[in-house]
Amino acid sequence: MKGVSFIITTLNAQRSLDKSLSSISTQKFDKSKFEVLILDGGSTDQTKNIAQRYSKIINIQFISAGMKENQEGRRLLGFNKSKFDYICILDSDNYLDQDDWVSQMTRPLDNNPELIASYTKYYHYDLTQTLFNRYLALIGGTDPVVYYMGKADRQPWVDTSLNQVEILKFDKSNFPTLGSNGTIIRKSMINLKSLTPESFFHTDILYDLLDEGKNTYARVNTKLLHDTGSTFVEQIIRRYKYMNLHHLKMLAQRRYKIFDSQKSSDWMKLLNFIFITLTLVIPTIDAIKGYFKTRDFVWFLHPVYCFIYLFSYGYAVIKHDR
């Protein structure tokens, strides 16, 4: 059935859920053509009450999904319960950037049946955001490691091309970390019967399709606001835990790897990141270039963030291998 099912996983999300649902409720899109599935992992705050309040405005199902420690498993449940063919995976701290966001994002999918998914070109940036949210928006990714590995899911704000929609074809060597933060996926492309809560991961299910020759995506020149709400220290701790779970402990279940030790190209990219981080020259040059494109002093924290992420991820790997 044509329409959009928003899948939002929550766990004590009262800080951001209200604003996320508000950005959905104000969309200039036929409200009968979308639903919001909230897959909750056992919230003890006001998350459920916020969802119930918005259920008077838009079609919301609040599902007590369990799986507290498995956000991805809850997303799979959302896929299985959704009724529309377009699945928009949102986090509770994602806000749609403008009231025609859904229309802009679904139009390429309507016009091209070969498309697997559409995703925003940028993360929303403005000077009212926290320092760290601005930094992540400017580099177009979740951290500088992904940025220098060439696998960031959004473009940095140094890319100012004006194409409204770009049709891109990926392969296993250049596939970015797509699948969440407002990616709209064509559900009929995904073989849900083959997936379990343990094998589901938002990037993996798209990466798997490459084996079937399904590799075409639309990058739409619009934005999504990702409000991590974290201080720099909190975000480092979150990323450390995320890497420890999804890229170390669950390595055997993952098909997509930001760093694949079996690929010489990934070794070269990782060693390059280590070298340029320790020598500081390239991150400093990139920071200067970024500043002249978007005048924000946060660019000059880029070399420092590179070093801190290198240290924290390196520590996670060493600790895991002990």
Protein backbone atom coordinates (compact mmCIF):
# COMPACT_ATOMS: atom_id res chain seq x y z
CA MET A 1 0.00 0.00 0.00
CA LYS A 2 1.44 3.37 -1.00
CA GLY A 3 2.21 5.62 1.94
CA VAL A 4 4.85 6.16 4.63
CA SER A 5 5.33 4.22 7.86
CA PHE A 6 7.58 6.05 10.30
CA ILE A 7 9.46 3.67 12.58
CA ILE A 8 10.78 5.28 15.77
CA THR A 9 12.52 3.28 18.49
CA THR A 10 12.39 4.82 21.95
CA LEU A 11 13.81 4.33 25.40
CA ASN A 12 13.22 7.20 27.82
CA ALA A 13 12.96 9.64 24.92
CA GLN A 14 10.91 12.40 26.55
CA ARG A 15 13.59 15.04 25.86
CA SER A 16 13.22 14.89 22.07
CA LEU A 17 10.14 12.84 21.13
CA ASP A 18 7.70 15.75 21.35
CA LYS A 19 9.66 17.78 18.81
CA SER A 20 10.15 14.75 16.55
CA LEU A 21 6.42 13.97 16.45
CA SER A 22 5.58 17.63 16.01
CA SER A 23 7.76 17.77 12.88
CA ILE A 24 5.83 14.77 11.50
CA SER A 25 2.39 16.12 12.42
CA THR A 26 2.93 19.39 10.51
CA GLN A 27 3.79 17.70 7.20
CA LYS A 28 1.82 18.82 4.16
CA PHE A 29 1.08 15.24 3.23
CA ASP A 30 -2.14 13.24 3.23
CA LYS A 31 -2.40 12.10 6.86
CA SER A 32 -4.29 9.00 5.79
CA LYS A 33 -1.17 7.97 3.90
CA PHE A 34 1.17 7.69 6.83
CA GLU A 35 1.45 6.06 10.23
CA VAL A 36 3.91 6.30 13.11
CA LEU A 37 5.02 3.12 14.86
CA ILE A 38 6.80 3.75 18.15
CA LEU A 39 8.72 0.67 19.28
CA ASP A 40 9.48 1.21 22.94
CA GLY A 41 12.13 -0.66 24.88
CA GLY A 42 10.66 -0.08 28.34
CA SER A 43 10.60 3.66 28.99
CA THR A 44 10.00 4.84 32.54
CA ASP A 45 9.61 8.54 31.75
CA GLN A 46 6.90 10.45 29.84
CA THR A 47 7.61 8.84 26.44
CA LYS A 48 4.30 6.96 26.26
CA ASN A 49 2.25 9.97 27.39
CA ILE A 50 3.82 12.14 24.70
CA ALA A 51 3.00 9.53 22.04
CA GLN A 52 -0.59 9.25 23.27
CA ARG A 53 -1.03 13.01 23.10
CA TYR A 54 -0.02 13.07 19.43
CA SER A 55 -2.24 10.08 18.63
CA LYS A 56 -5.14 12.56 18.61
CA ILE A 57 -3.51 14.32 15.63
CA ILE A 58 -1.81 11.57 13.63
CA ASN A 59 -2.04 7.80 13.41
CA ILE A 60 0.34 6.54 16.10
CA GLN A 61 0.77 3.05 17.46
CA PHE A 62 2.75 2.81 20.68
CA ILE A 63 4.14 -0.72 20.90
CA SER A 64 5.79 -2.06 24.06
CA ALA A 65 8.34 -4.09 22.14
CA GLY A 66 10.70 -5.17 24.90
CA MET A 67 14.24 -5.89 23.64
CA LYS A 68 15.59 -3.04 25.76
CA GLU A 69 19.17 -3.62 24.63
CA ASN A 70 18.31 -4.35 20.99
CA GLN A 71 17.11 -1.23 19.20
CA GLU A 72 17.63 -2.89 15.82
CA GLY A 73 15.44 -5.85 16.78
CA ARG A 74 12.67 -3.40 17.61
CA ARG A 75 13.08 -1.83 14.18
CA LEU A 76 12.54 -5.24 12.58
CA LEU A 77 9.30 -5.56 14.53
CA GLY A 78 8.28 -2.18 13.15
CA PHE A 79 8.98 -3.34 9.58
CA ASN A 80 6.82 -6.40 10.12
CA LYS A 81 3.94 -4.41 11.60
CA SER A 82 4.02 -1.54 9.10
CA LYS A 83 1.27 -1.30 6.48
CA PHE A 84 2.81 1.08 3.94
CA ASP A 85 5.49 0.35 1.36
CA TYR A 86 7.74 3.27 2.26
CA ILE A 87 9.52 2.90 5.61
CA CYS A 88 11.09 5.97 7.15
CA ILE A 89 13.50 5.03 9.94
CA LEU A 90 13.73 7.86 12.44
CA ASP A 91 15.41 8.14 15.78
CA SER A 92 13.51 9.98 18.47
CA ASP A 93 16.04 12.82 18.21
CA ASN A 94 15.46 13.30 14.46
CA TYR A 95 13.36 16.26 13.33
CA LEU A 96 12.04 16.78 9.80
CA ASP A 97 13.51 19.99 8.46
CA GLN A 98 10.48 21.48 6.66
CA ASP A 99 6.79 20.83 6.18
CA ASP A 100 7.16 19.39 2.67
CA TRP A 101 10.00 17.03 3.72
CA VAL A 102 7.98 13.85 3.16
CA SER A 103 6.81 14.99 -0.27
CA GLN A 104 10.35 15.83 -1.35
CA MET A 105 11.72 12.52 -0.08
CA THR A 106 9.03 10.26 -1.56
CA ARG A 107 8.80 11.92 -4.99
CA PRO A 108 11.93 10.19 -6.39
CA LEU A 109 10.66 6.82 -5.14
CA ASP A 110 7.31 7.41 -6.83
CA ASN A 111 9.01 8.32 -10.10
CA ASN A 112 11.65 5.57 -10.22
CA PRO A 113 10.67 2.02 -9.20
CA GLU A 114 14.32 0.90 -9.28
CA LEU A 115 15.23 3.06 -6.29
CA ILE A 116 15.91 1.20 -3.04
CA ALA A 117 15.69 4.27 -0.82
CA SER A 118 16.01 8.04 -0.59
CA TYR A 119 18.01 9.97 1.96
CA THR A 120 18.78 13.59 2.75
CA LYS A 121 21.94 15.15 1.40
CA TYR A 122 22.74 16.99 4.63
CA TYR A 123 22.15 17.08 8.33
CA HIS A 124 20.53 20.36 9.32
CA TYR A 125 22.97 23.00 10.50
CA ASP A 126 22.48 26.34 12.20
CA LEU A 127 24.26 28.33 14.87
CA THR A 128 21.54 27.78 17.49
CA GLN A 129 22.48 24.11 17.76
CA THR A 130 24.87 22.77 20.36
CA LEU A 131 28.54 22.88 19.47
CA PHE A 132 28.76 19.14 18.92
CA ASN A 133 25.57 18.90 16.84
CA ARG A 134 26.99 21.62 14.61
CA TYR A 135 30.24 19.71 14.20
CA LEU A 136 28.52 16.46 13.19
CA ALA A 137 26.27 18.31 10.74
CA LEU A 138 29.23 20.08 9.16
CA ILE A 139 31.18 16.87 8.51
CA GLY A 140 28.04 14.99 7.44
CA GLY A 141 28.52 11.95 9.64
CA THR A 142 28.51 10.44 13.09
CA ASP A 143 32.26 10.81 13.68
CA PRO A 144 35.50 11.74 11.87
CA VAL A 145 36.55 8.10 11.41
CA VAL A 146 33.57 7.44 9.11
CA TYR A 147 34.27 10.79 7.43
CA TYR A 148 37.84 9.85 6.50
CA MET A 149 36.94 6.25 5.66
CA GLY A 150 34.69 7.74 2.97
CA LYS A 151 31.57 6.11 4.40
CA ALA A 152 29.65 9.02 5.95
CA ASP A 153 25.89 8.87 5.34
CA ARG A 154 25.52 12.58 4.52
CA GLN A 155 27.54 15.19 2.66
CA PRO A 156 29.70 17.71 4.51
CA TRP A 157 28.72 21.36 4.30
CA VAL A 158 31.68 22.03 2.02
CA ASP A 159 29.70 20.34 -0.78
CA THR A 160 27.42 23.08 -2.12
CA SER A 161 26.16 21.52 -5.37
CA LEU A 162 22.57 22.50 -6.10
CA ASN A 163 21.10 19.37 -7.73
CA GLN A 164 17.72 18.70 -6.12
CA VAL A 165 17.91 14.93 -6.62
CA GLU A 166 21.00 12.88 -7.41
CA ILE A 167 20.62 9.26 -8.48
CA LEU A 168 23.56 7.26 -7.12
CA LYS A 169 24.71 3.69 -7.63
CA PHE A 170 26.80 2.06 -4.92
CA ASP A 171 28.89 -1.08 -4.67
CA LYS A 172 30.53 -2.84 -1.75
CA SER A 173 33.60 -0.63 -1.91
CA ASN A 174 31.80 2.68 -1.44
CA PHE A 175 28.55 1.92 0.36
CA PRO A 176 27.90 4.57 3.06
CA THR A 177 26.42 4.01 6.53
CA LEU A 178 22.84 4.43 5.29
CA GLY A 179 19.58 3.22 6.76
CA SER A 180 18.61 5.41 9.69
CA ASN A 181 18.21 9.14 10.45
CA GLY A 182 15.39 9.71 8.00
CA THR A 183 16.26 7.24 5.26
CA ILE A 184 13.07 6.19 3.43
CA ILE A 185 13.31 2.55 2.31
CA ARG A 186 11.11 0.76 -0.17
CA LYS A 187 9.83 -2.11 2.00
CA SER A 188 9.09 -4.43 -0.91
CA MET A 189 12.82 -4.60 -1.67
CA ILE A 190 13.65 -6.17 1.71
CA ASN A 191 13.39 -9.93 2.33
CA LEU A 192 11.93 -9.69 5.82
CA LYS A 193 11.35 -13.45 6.16
CA SER A 194 15.09 -14.07 6.24
CA LEU A 195 15.72 -11.64 9.10
CA THR A 196 15.74 -12.12 12.87
CA PRO A 197 16.11 -9.56 15.67
CA GLU A 198 19.74 -10.67 15.97
CA SER A 199 20.54 -10.36 12.24
CA PHE A 200 18.70 -7.10 11.54
CA PHE A 201 20.74 -3.92 11.25
CA HIS A 202 19.62 -0.93 9.24
CA THR A 203 22.77 -0.66 7.09
CA ASP A 204 23.17 -4.43 6.68
CA ILE A 205 19.73 -4.94 5.12
CA LEU A 206 20.60 -2.44 2.38
CA TYR A 207 24.13 -3.76 1.96
CA ASP A 208 22.71 -7.28 1.47
CA LEU A 209 20.78 -6.06 -1.58
CA LEU A 210 24.01 -5.33 -3.45
CA ASP A 211 24.37 -9.09 -4.00
CA GLU A 212 21.12 -8.93 -5.98
CA GLY A 213 22.26 -5.97 -8.06
CA LYS A 214 19.94 -3.61 -6.18
CA ASN A 215 22.18 -0.60 -5.72
CA THR A 216 20.35 2.58 -6.77
CA TYR A 217 19.50 5.41 -4.35
CA ALA A 218 18.22 8.98 -4.44
CA ARG A 219 20.09 11.66 -2.52
CA VAL A 220 17.68 14.54 -2.03
CA ASN A 221 18.92 18.08 -1.50
CA THR A 222 17.13 18.57 1.79
CA LYS A 223 18.06 18.18 5.43
CA LEU A 224 17.22 16.35 8.64
CA LEU A 225 18.03 17.72 12.07
CA HIS A 226 19.83 15.20 14.30
CA ASP A 227 19.68 16.51 17.86
CA THR A 228 21.98 14.19 19.80
CA GLY A 229 21.43 16.21 22.96
CA SER A 230 24.82 15.06 24.12
CA THR A 231 27.80 16.91 25.40
CA PHE A 232 31.03 15.95 23.72
CA VAL A 233 31.98 13.60 26.56
CA GLU A 234 28.53 11.95 26.55
CA GLN A 235 28.70 11.45 22.79
CA ILE A 236 32.16 9.87 23.00
CA ILE A 237 30.83 7.43 25.61
CA ARG A 238 27.79 6.65 23.43
CA ARG A 239 29.95 6.02 20.37
CA TYR A 240 32.33 3.86 22.41
CA LYS A 241 29.40 1.70 23.58
CA TYR A 242 27.92 1.63 20.06
CA MET A 243 31.17 0.45 18.54
CA ASN A 244 31.73 -2.10 21.28
CA LEU A 245 28.27 -3.63 20.68
CA HIS A 246 27.70 -3.35 16.92
CA HIS A 247 31.23 -3.50 15.52
CA LEU A 248 33.01 -5.75 18.01
CA LYS A 249 30.66 -8.00 20.00
CA MET A 250 28.22 -8.46 17.10
CA LEU A 251 30.90 -8.63 14.41
CA ALA A 252 29.94 -12.18 13.39
CA GLN A 253 26.34 -11.11 12.67
CA ARG A 254 27.27 -7.96 10.74
CA ARG A 255 27.60 -8.00 6.97
CA TYR A 256 28.49 -4.33 6.54
CA LYS A 257 31.67 -3.17 8.23
CA ILE A 258 32.98 0.39 8.44
CA PHE A 259 36.40 -1.26 8.67
CA ASP A 260 36.76 -4.67 7.06
CA SER A 261 40.06 -6.30 7.99
CA GLN A 262 39.81 -8.50 4.89
CA LYS A 263 39.95 -5.50 2.54
CA SER A 264 43.29 -3.89 1.75
CA SER A 265 41.50 -0.66 0.77
CA ASP A 266 40.01 -0.37 4.26
CA TRP A 267 43.44 -0.96 5.81
CA MET A 268 44.84 1.86 3.69
CA LYS A 269 42.03 4.22 4.70
CA LEU A 270 42.38 3.35 8.40
CA LEU A 271 46.16 3.73 8.39
CA ASN A 272 45.74 7.02 6.55
CA PHE A 273 43.31 8.23 9.23
CA ILE A 274 45.73 7.25 12.00
CA PHE A 275 48.62 8.98 10.24
CA ILE A 276 46.84 12.23 9.45
CA THR A 277 45.34 12.37 12.95
CA LEU A 278 48.69 11.97 14.66
CA THR A 279 50.40 14.48 12.38
CA LEU A 280 47.43 16.94 12.55
CA VAL A 281 48.22 18.57 9.19
CA ILE A 282 45.36 17.27 7.01
CA PRO A 283 42.61 17.70 9.66
CA THR A 284 43.85 21.26 10.20
CA ILE A 285 43.80 22.00 6.47
CA ASP A 286 40.32 20.48 6.20
CA ALA A 287 39.19 22.62 9.15
CA ILE A 288 40.46 25.79 7.44
CA LYS A 289 38.74 24.85 4.16
CA GLY A 290 35.53 24.09 6.03
CA TYR A 291 35.66 27.39 7.90
CA PHE A 292 35.90 29.38 4.66
CA LYS A 293 32.80 27.55 3.38
CA THR A 294 30.81 27.81 6.61
CA ARG A 295 32.13 30.38 9.08
CA ASP A 296 31.88 28.49 12.35
CA PHE A 297 34.81 28.18 14.77
CA VAL A 298 33.70 24.61 15.58
CA TRP A 299 35.64 23.57 12.47
CA PHE A 300 38.85 24.21 14.39
CA LEU A 301 37.94 21.49 16.89
CA HIS A 302 38.10 18.98 14.04
CA PRO A 303 41.77 17.96 14.61
CA VAL A 304 41.09 17.52 18.33
CA TYR A 305 37.99 15.40 17.71
CA CYS A 306 39.94 13.21 15.27
CA PHE A 307 42.51 12.47 17.95
CA ILE A 308 39.94 11.77 20.68
CA TYR A 309 37.89 9.43 18.48
CA LEU A 310 41.06 7.61 17.43
CA PHE A 311 41.98 7.10 21.08
CA SER A 312 38.49 6.02 22.22
CA TYR A 313 37.92 3.56 19.36
CA GLY A 314 41.45 2.22 19.73
CA TYR A 315 40.83 1.66 23.43
CA ALA A 316 37.58 -0.22 22.64
CA VAL A 317 39.40 -2.57 20.25
CA ILE A 318 42.28 -3.23 22.69
CA LYS A 319 39.90 -3.86 25.58
CA HIS A 320 37.75 -6.20 23.46
CA ASP A 321 40.75 -8.23 22.33
CA ARG A 322 42.01 -8.88 25.86
